[in-house]
Amino acid sequence: MKITTKMGTFLAAVFLTFTVEADVVLKDNSEILGNWKLYAEAAKLNGEKKEVSVQWDFRPNGVLQTKAIDSFGRTKTFEVALKYSVEDGVIKKQSTPGREKYESCRVIEKSGSDMILKCTYLFFFLSK
């Protein structure tokens, strides 16, 4: 009886650990509209973060206006408009300007003015 109880407690703890990291399901784009500062990206959620300086502006017309700031480059800033939409609770954003190829980005965490996205290859860390 003790073994069954301990095994049940262990399985419940494992189940709760996985449910804590459940994705945030967006109802529509109103939950992400506005300016966001993309300050870091990483290959793994808890992996090493690479600092970046990019502004993302989710506009109500389905345009994601991005502005990257590169203090070491020749151009200093790079701006591009990408298409995006929210479908089935997930952000679908254009991978490359001018191409109709999209990647899915799930909201892993959204609390207050912070948001973490899991896109095809990277995790993006944003703040308002």
C-alpha atoms as a PDB file:
ATOM      1  CA  MET A   1       0.000   0.000   0.000  1.00  0.00           C
ATOM      2  CA  LYS A   2       2.842   2.398   0.878  1.00  0.00           C
ATOM      3  CA  ILE A   3       4.554   1.744  -2.473  1.00  0.00           C
ATOM      4  CA  THR A   4       1.338   2.465  -4.391  1.00  0.00           C
ATOM      5  CA  THR A   5       0.822   5.730  -2.489  1.00  0.00           C
ATOM      6  CA  LYS A   6       4.431   6.832  -3.041  1.00  0.00           C
ATOM      7  CA  MET A   7       4.224   5.956  -6.755  1.00  0.00           C
ATOM      8  CA  GLY A   8       0.956   7.889  -7.071  1.00  0.00           C
ATOM      9  CA  THR A   9       2.485  10.918  -5.344  1.00  0.00           C
ATOM     10  CA  PHE A  10       5.525  10.751  -7.625  1.00  0.00           C
ATOM     11  CA  LEU A  11       3.396  10.535 -10.780  1.00  0.00           C
ATOM     12  CA  ALA A  12       1.237  13.449  -9.610  1.00  0.00           C
ATOM     13  CA  ALA A  13       4.361  15.562  -9.029  1.00  0.00           C
ATOM     14  CA  VAL A  14       5.680  14.722 -12.509  1.00  0.00           C
ATOM     15  CA  PHE A  15       2.300  15.542 -14.076  1.00  0.00           C
ATOM     16  CA  LEU A  16       2.108  18.892 -12.258  1.00  0.00           C
ATOM     17  CA  THR A  17       5.651  19.762 -13.363  1.00  0.00           C
ATOM     18  CA  PHE A  18       4.674  19.340 -17.011  1.00  0.00           C
ATOM     19  CA  THR A  19       1.382  21.211 -16.690  1.00  0.00           C
ATOM     20  CA  VAL A  20       3.090  24.250 -15.136  1.00  0.00           C
ATOM     21  CA  GLU A  21       4.948  24.795 -18.423  1.00  0.00           C
ATOM     22  CA  ALA A  22       1.790  24.678 -20.556  1.00  0.00           C
ATOM     23  CA  ASP A  23       1.591  27.147 -23.401  1.00  0.00           C
ATOM     24  CA  VAL A  24      -0.503  30.292 -23.241  1.00  0.00           C
ATOM     25  CA  VAL A  25      -3.332  30.107 -25.779  1.00  0.00           C
ATOM     26  CA  LEU A  26      -3.996  33.502 -27.361  1.00  0.00           C
ATOM     27  CA  LYS A  27      -7.626  34.396 -28.097  1.00  0.00           C
ATOM     28  CA  ASP A  28      -6.638  36.902 -30.778  1.00  0.00           C
ATOM     29  CA  ASN A  29      -3.951  39.464 -31.566  1.00  0.00           C
ATOM     30  CA  SER A  30      -5.281  41.966 -29.000  1.00  0.00           C
ATOM     31  CA  GLU A  31      -3.203  40.173 -26.348  1.00  0.00           C
ATOM     32  CA  ILE A  32       0.092  40.977 -28.110  1.00  0.00           C
ATOM     33  CA  LEU A  33      -0.584  44.318 -29.831  1.00  0.00           C
ATOM     34  CA  GLY A  34       1.898  47.129 -29.376  1.00  0.00           C
ATOM     35  CA  ASN A  35       5.623  47.579 -28.976  1.00  0.00           C
ATOM     36  CA  TRP A  36       7.770  44.823 -27.510  1.00  0.00           C
ATOM     37  CA  LYS A  37      11.496  44.851 -26.869  1.00  0.00           C
ATOM     38  CA  LEU A  38      13.126  41.602 -27.947  1.00  0.00           C
ATOM     39  CA  TYR A  39      16.110  41.543 -25.588  1.00  0.00           C
ATOM     40  CA  ALA A  40      17.386  37.952 -25.838  1.00  0.00           C
ATOM     41  CA  GLU A  41      17.135  34.735 -27.810  1.00  0.00           C
ATOM     42  CA  ALA A  42      18.196  31.180 -26.982  1.00  0.00           C
ATOM     43  CA  ALA A  43      18.177  27.710 -28.508  1.00  0.00           C
ATOM     44  CA  LYS A  44      16.864  26.242 -25.222  1.00  0.00           C
ATOM     45  CA  LEU A  45      14.430  27.742 -22.739  1.00  0.00           C
ATOM     46  CA  ASN A  46      16.909  27.469 -19.888  1.00  0.00           C
ATOM     47  CA  GLY A  47      19.978  27.690 -22.124  1.00  0.00           C
ATOM     48  CA  GLU A  48      22.477  30.453 -22.695  1.00  0.00           C
ATOM     49  CA  LYS A  49      20.775  33.650 -23.847  1.00  0.00           C
ATOM     50  CA  LYS A  50      22.245  35.824 -26.576  1.00  0.00           C
ATOM     51  CA  GLU A  51      21.536  39.507 -26.035  1.00  0.00           C
ATOM     52  CA  VAL A  52      19.850  41.269 -28.946  1.00  0.00           C
ATOM     53  CA  SER A  53      18.315  44.694 -29.433  1.00  0.00           C
ATOM     54  CA  VAL A  54      15.205  44.447 -31.595  1.00  0.00           C
ATOM     55  CA  GLN A  55      11.877  46.263 -31.419  1.00  0.00           C
ATOM     56  CA  TRP A  56       8.753  44.317 -32.437  1.00  0.00           C
ATOM     57  CA  ASP A  57       5.569  46.277 -33.056  1.00  0.00           C
ATOM     58  CA  PHE A  58       2.522  44.020 -33.474  1.00  0.00           C
ATOM     59  CA  ARG A  59       0.053  46.196 -35.353  1.00  0.00           C
ATOM     60  CA  PRO A  60      -3.699  45.536 -35.554  1.00  0.00           C
ATOM     61  CA  ASN A  61      -3.598  45.236 -39.367  1.00  0.00           C
ATOM     62  CA  GLY A  62      -1.533  42.004 -39.280  1.00  0.00           C
ATOM     63  CA  VAL A  63       1.858  43.672 -39.718  1.00  0.00           C
ATOM     64  CA  LEU A  64       4.784  42.979 -37.420  1.00  0.00           C
ATOM     65  CA  GLN A  65       7.145  45.927 -37.830  1.00  0.00           C
ATOM     66  CA  THR A  66      10.639  44.966 -36.691  1.00  0.00           C
ATOM     67  CA  LYS A  67      13.578  47.253 -36.084  1.00  0.00           C
ATOM     68  CA  ALA A  68      16.968  45.751 -35.246  1.00  0.00           C
ATOM     69  CA  ILE A  69      19.656  47.935 -33.743  1.00  0.00           C
ATOM     70  CA  ASP A  70      23.277  47.004 -34.470  1.00  0.00           C
ATOM     71  CA  SER A  71      25.727  49.404 -32.862  1.00  0.00           C
ATOM     72  CA  PHE A  72      28.672  47.665 -34.570  1.00  0.00           C
ATOM     73  CA  GLY A  73      27.270  47.423 -38.115  1.00  0.00           C
ATOM     74  CA  ARG A  74      27.440  49.870 -41.005  1.00  0.00           C
ATOM     75  CA  THR A  75      23.707  50.544 -41.162  1.00  0.00           C
ATOM     76  CA  LYS A  76      23.080  50.867 -37.391  1.00  0.00           C
ATOM     77  CA  THR A  77      19.408  49.909 -37.863  1.00  0.00           C
ATOM     78  CA  PHE A  78      17.523  47.426 -40.024  1.00  0.00           C
ATOM     79  CA  GLU A  79      13.751  47.665 -40.419  1.00  0.00           C
ATOM     80  CA  VAL A  80      11.409  45.162 -42.027  1.00  0.00           C
ATOM     81  CA  ALA A  81       7.655  44.577 -42.045  1.00  0.00           C
ATOM     82  CA  LEU A  82       6.449  40.980 -41.686  1.00  0.00           C
ATOM     83  CA  LYS A  83       2.928  39.600 -41.886  1.00  0.00           C
ATOM     84  CA  TYR A  84       1.501  37.842 -38.852  1.00  0.00           C
ATOM     85  CA  SER A  85      -1.764  36.437 -37.533  1.00  0.00           C
ATOM     86  CA  VAL A  86      -3.034  34.573 -34.487  1.00  0.00           C
ATOM     87  CA  GLU A  87      -4.525  31.196 -35.397  1.00  0.00           C
ATOM     88  CA  ASP A  88      -5.580  28.466 -32.967  1.00  0.00           C
ATOM     89  CA  GLY A  89      -3.921  30.377 -30.112  1.00  0.00           C
ATOM     90  CA  VAL A  90      -0.541  30.516 -31.873  1.00  0.00           C
ATOM     91  CA  ILE A  91       1.272  33.379 -33.627  1.00  0.00           C
ATOM     92  CA  LYS A  92       1.956  32.655 -37.300  1.00  0.00           C
ATOM     93  CA  LYS A  93       4.623  35.051 -38.554  1.00  0.00           C
ATOM     94  CA  GLN A  94       6.283  35.420 -41.903  1.00  0.00           C
ATOM     95  CA  SER A  95       9.748  33.823 -41.836  1.00  0.00           C
ATOM     96  CA  THR A  96      11.276  35.945 -44.589  1.00  0.00           C
ATOM     97  CA  PRO A  97      10.021  39.217 -46.070  1.00  0.00           C
ATOM     98  CA  GLY A  98       8.513  38.758 -49.521  1.00  0.00           C
ATOM     99  CA  ARG A  99       8.013  35.006 -49.134  1.00  0.00           C
ATOM    100  CA  GLU A 100       4.779  33.357 -48.096  1.00  0.00           C
ATOM    101  CA  LYS A 101       6.532  30.979 -45.706  1.00  0.00           C
ATOM    102  CA  TYR A 102       5.356  31.218 -42.090  1.00  0.00           C
ATOM    103  CA  GLU A 103       6.612  29.878 -38.796  1.00  0.00           C
ATOM    104  CA  SER A 104       4.534  29.146 -35.728  1.00  0.00           C
ATOM    105  CA  CYS A 105       5.416  30.832 -32.457  1.00  0.00           C
ATOM    106  CA  ARG A 106       3.807  29.567 -29.265  1.00  0.00           C
ATOM    107  CA  VAL A 107       3.576  31.804 -26.236  1.00  0.00           C
ATOM    108  CA  ILE A 108       5.324  29.777 -23.543  1.00  0.00           C
ATOM    109  CA  GLU A 109       4.862  32.362 -20.806  1.00  0.00           C
ATOM    110  CA  LYS A 110       3.126  35.718 -20.581  1.00  0.00           C
ATOM    111  CA  SER A 111       3.024  37.583 -17.300  1.00  0.00           C
ATOM    112  CA  GLY A 112       2.647  41.313 -16.853  1.00  0.00           C
ATOM    113  CA  SER A 113       4.923  43.018 -19.359  1.00  0.00           C
ATOM    114  CA  ASP A 114       7.038  39.929 -20.142  1.00  0.00           C
ATOM    115  CA  MET A 115       6.522  37.249 -22.773  1.00  0.00           C
ATOM    116  CA  ILE A 116       8.503  34.223 -23.956  1.00  0.00           C
ATOM    117  CA  LEU A 117       7.895  32.833 -27.439  1.00  0.00           C
ATOM    118  CA  LYS A 118       8.979  29.432 -28.782  1.00  0.00           C
ATOM    119  CA  CYS A 119       9.351  29.730 -32.537  1.00  0.00           C
ATOM    120  CA  THR A 120      10.669  27.091 -34.942  1.00  0.00           C
ATOM    121  CA  TYR A 121      14.321  27.228 -33.912  1.00  0.00           C
ATOM    122  CA  LEU A 122      14.616  29.759 -31.090  1.00  0.00           C
ATOM    123  CA  PHE A 123      13.085  31.026 -27.888  1.00  0.00           C
ATOM    124  CA  PHE A 124      12.498  34.790 -27.895  1.00  0.00           C
ATOM    125  CA  PHE A 125      12.416  36.820 -24.663  1.00  0.00           C
ATOM    126  CA  LEU A 126      10.378  40.027 -24.888  1.00  0.00           C
ATOM    127  CA  SER A 127       9.224  42.803 -22.600  1.00  0.00           C
ATOM    128  CA  LYS A 128       6.862  45.761 -23.079  1.00  0.00           C
END
